[in-house]
C-alpha cells in the first residue's frame, strides 16, 4: 500500500523557519518525481518545489532563495527546509509522488500538514 506521511508543520513567526518531512512507503522509490504543493484557503493547490529522479530541482518563484527541497532515497524521504517564512506562506502543505510511464501514470498525495506563519 502506497503511503505518504507529512510531518513538521506548525505555527511560526514571520522570518522563522520550519522543516517539513515526508515519509514514503509502498512502491514509491527513487524513480519517482517527488514534490511539495500547498493550498491556502480559497486558493488552488500550487507547486512549491519538486525534485526528479536525477536530483534536478524546480521551485516556484515565490519561494526561490528561501526554501530548499531535498530527498534521501535510502530512507524514501522528502524534505522541505523553509526559511524566512512569510504570512503568505500559510497553507496546507502536501507531499506528492508521481511517475509517468508509457502505459500508466502514478500520482500519490499525502494528507497534508498545516503551516501557519503569524505573529
Protein backbone atom coordinates (compact mmCIF):
# COMPACT_ATOMS: atom_id res chain seq x y z
CA UNK A 1 0.00 0.00 0.00
CA UNK A 2 1.41 3.37 -1.04
CA UNK A 3 1.50 5.99 1.67
CA UNK A 4 2.94 9.48 2.02
CA UNK A 5 3.06 10.87 5.54
CA UNK A 6 3.95 14.52 6.12
CA UNK A 7 5.21 15.97 9.38
CA UNK A 8 6.85 19.13 10.66
CA UNK A 9 4.14 21.71 10.17
CA UNK A 10 3.13 24.20 12.82
CA UNK A 11 2.90 27.83 13.85
CA UNK A 12 5.91 30.05 13.27
CA UNK A 13 6.53 33.78 13.37
CA UNK A 14 7.38 35.73 10.22
CA UNK A 15 11.05 35.34 9.43
CA UNK A 16 11.20 31.97 11.13
CA UNK A 17 11.99 28.52 9.78
CA UNK A 18 10.36 25.12 9.56
CA UNK A 19 11.42 21.81 8.11
CA UNK A 20 8.80 19.56 6.59
CA UNK A 21 9.35 15.84 6.16
CA UNK A 22 7.55 13.27 4.06
CA UNK A 23 7.96 9.56 4.62
CA UNK A 24 7.09 7.42 1.63
CA UNK A 25 6.20 3.76 1.80
CA UNK A 26 4.97 1.10 -0.56
CA UNK A 27 6.10 1.06 -4.17
CA UNK A 28 7.44 4.64 -4.23
CA UNK A 29 11.14 4.66 -4.99
CA UNK A 30 13.90 6.84 -6.45
CA UNK A 31 12.34 6.73 -9.92
CA UNK A 32 9.51 8.97 -8.79
CA UNK A 33 9.48 12.73 -9.03
CA UNK A 34 8.63 13.98 -5.59
CA UNK A 35 7.40 17.38 -4.64
CA UNK A 36 5.72 19.71 -2.23
CA UNK A 37 2.50 21.53 -3.04
CA UNK A 38 0.49 23.92 -0.93
CA UNK A 39 -3.07 25.12 -0.77
CA UNK A 40 -4.19 28.24 1.03
CA UNK A 41 -7.84 28.85 1.92
CA UNK A 42 -9.83 29.83 -1.14
CA UNK A 43 -6.93 29.18 -3.49
CA UNK A 44 -5.91 26.43 -5.85
CA UNK A 45 -3.24 23.93 -4.92
CA UNK A 46 0.12 25.10 -6.27
CA UNK A 47 3.55 23.62 -6.75
CA UNK A 48 6.12 24.76 -4.22
CA UNK A 49 9.09 22.66 -5.32
CA UNK A 50 9.89 19.28 -6.77
CA UNK A 51 12.89 17.04 -7.37
CA UNK A 52 13.09 14.42 -10.09
CA UNK A 53 14.81 11.05 -10.18
CA UNK A 54 18.05 12.68 -11.35
CA UNK A 55 18.05 15.13 -8.48
CA UNK A 56 17.07 18.15 -10.54
CA UNK A 57 15.03 20.66 -8.59
CA UNK A 58 12.37 23.13 -9.54
CA UNK A 59 10.95 25.93 -7.38
CA UNK A 60 8.05 28.32 -7.54
CA UNK A 61 9.28 31.88 -7.99
CA UNK A 62 7.67 32.87 -4.70
CA UNK A 63 9.93 30.55 -2.68
CA UNK A 64 13.21 30.69 -4.59
CA UNK A 65 16.09 31.55 -2.31
CA UNK A 66 14.06 30.77 0.82
CA UNK A 67 13.03 27.12 0.50
CA UNK A 68 15.19 24.09 -0.22
CA UNK A 69 13.86 20.71 -1.27
CA UNK A 70 15.87 17.54 -0.78
CA UNK A 71 15.34 13.80 -0.85
CA UNK A 72 17.01 10.84 0.79
CA UNK A 73 16.44 7.80 -1.38
CA UNK A 74 17.96 5.48 1.20
CA UNK A 75 15.18 6.45 3.58
CA UNK A 76 12.47 7.05 0.98
CA UNK A 77 12.09 10.53 2.44
CA UNK A 78 11.48 14.02 1.13
CA UNK A 79 12.21 17.26 2.94
CA UNK A 80 11.44 20.94 2.59
CA UNK A 81 13.54 23.42 4.52
CA UNK A 82 11.63 26.68 4.73
CA UNK A 83 13.46 29.82 5.84
CA UNK A 84 12.46 33.47 6.02
CA UNK A 85 8.83 32.47 6.20
CA UNK A 86 6.16 35.00 5.32
CA UNK A 87 2.46 35.17 6.23
CA UNK A 88 1.64 34.39 2.60
CA UNK A 89 3.36 31.02 3.03
CA UNK A 90 0.48 29.99 5.28
CA UNK A 91 -1.17 26.94 3.75
CA UNK A 92 -1.63 23.22 3.99
CA UNK A 93 1.46 21.59 2.50
CA UNK A 94 1.12 18.32 0.64
CA UNK A 95 3.71 15.76 -0.33
CA UNK A 96 3.38 14.33 -3.83
CA UNK A 97 4.99 11.44 -5.67
CA UNK A 98 4.45 10.84 -9.36
CA UNK A 99 5.83 8.70 -12.12
CA UNK A 100 4.84 8.99 -15.74
CA UNK A 101 5.29 5.84 -17.80
CA UNK A 102 4.31 4.86 -21.31
CA UNK A 103 1.27 2.82 -20.37
CA UNK A 104 0.45 4.06 -16.90
CA UNK A 105 0.89 7.09 -14.69
CA UNK A 106 1.19 7.07 -10.93
CA UNK A 107 0.30 10.04 -8.77
CA UNK A 108 0.06 9.91 -4.98
CA UNK A 109 -0.70 12.51 -2.30
CA UNK A 110 -0.21 12.76 1.41
CA UNK A 111 -2.84 14.07 3.80
CA UNK A 112 -1.12 17.42 4.26
CA UNK A 113 0.39 19.35 7.14
CA UNK A 114 -0.65 22.84 8.20
CA UNK A 115 1.90 25.65 8.16
CA UNK A 116 0.82 28.93 9.73
CA UNK A 117 3.05 31.99 9.64
CA UNK A 118 1.77 34.62 12.01
CA UNK A 119 2.92 36.92 14.77
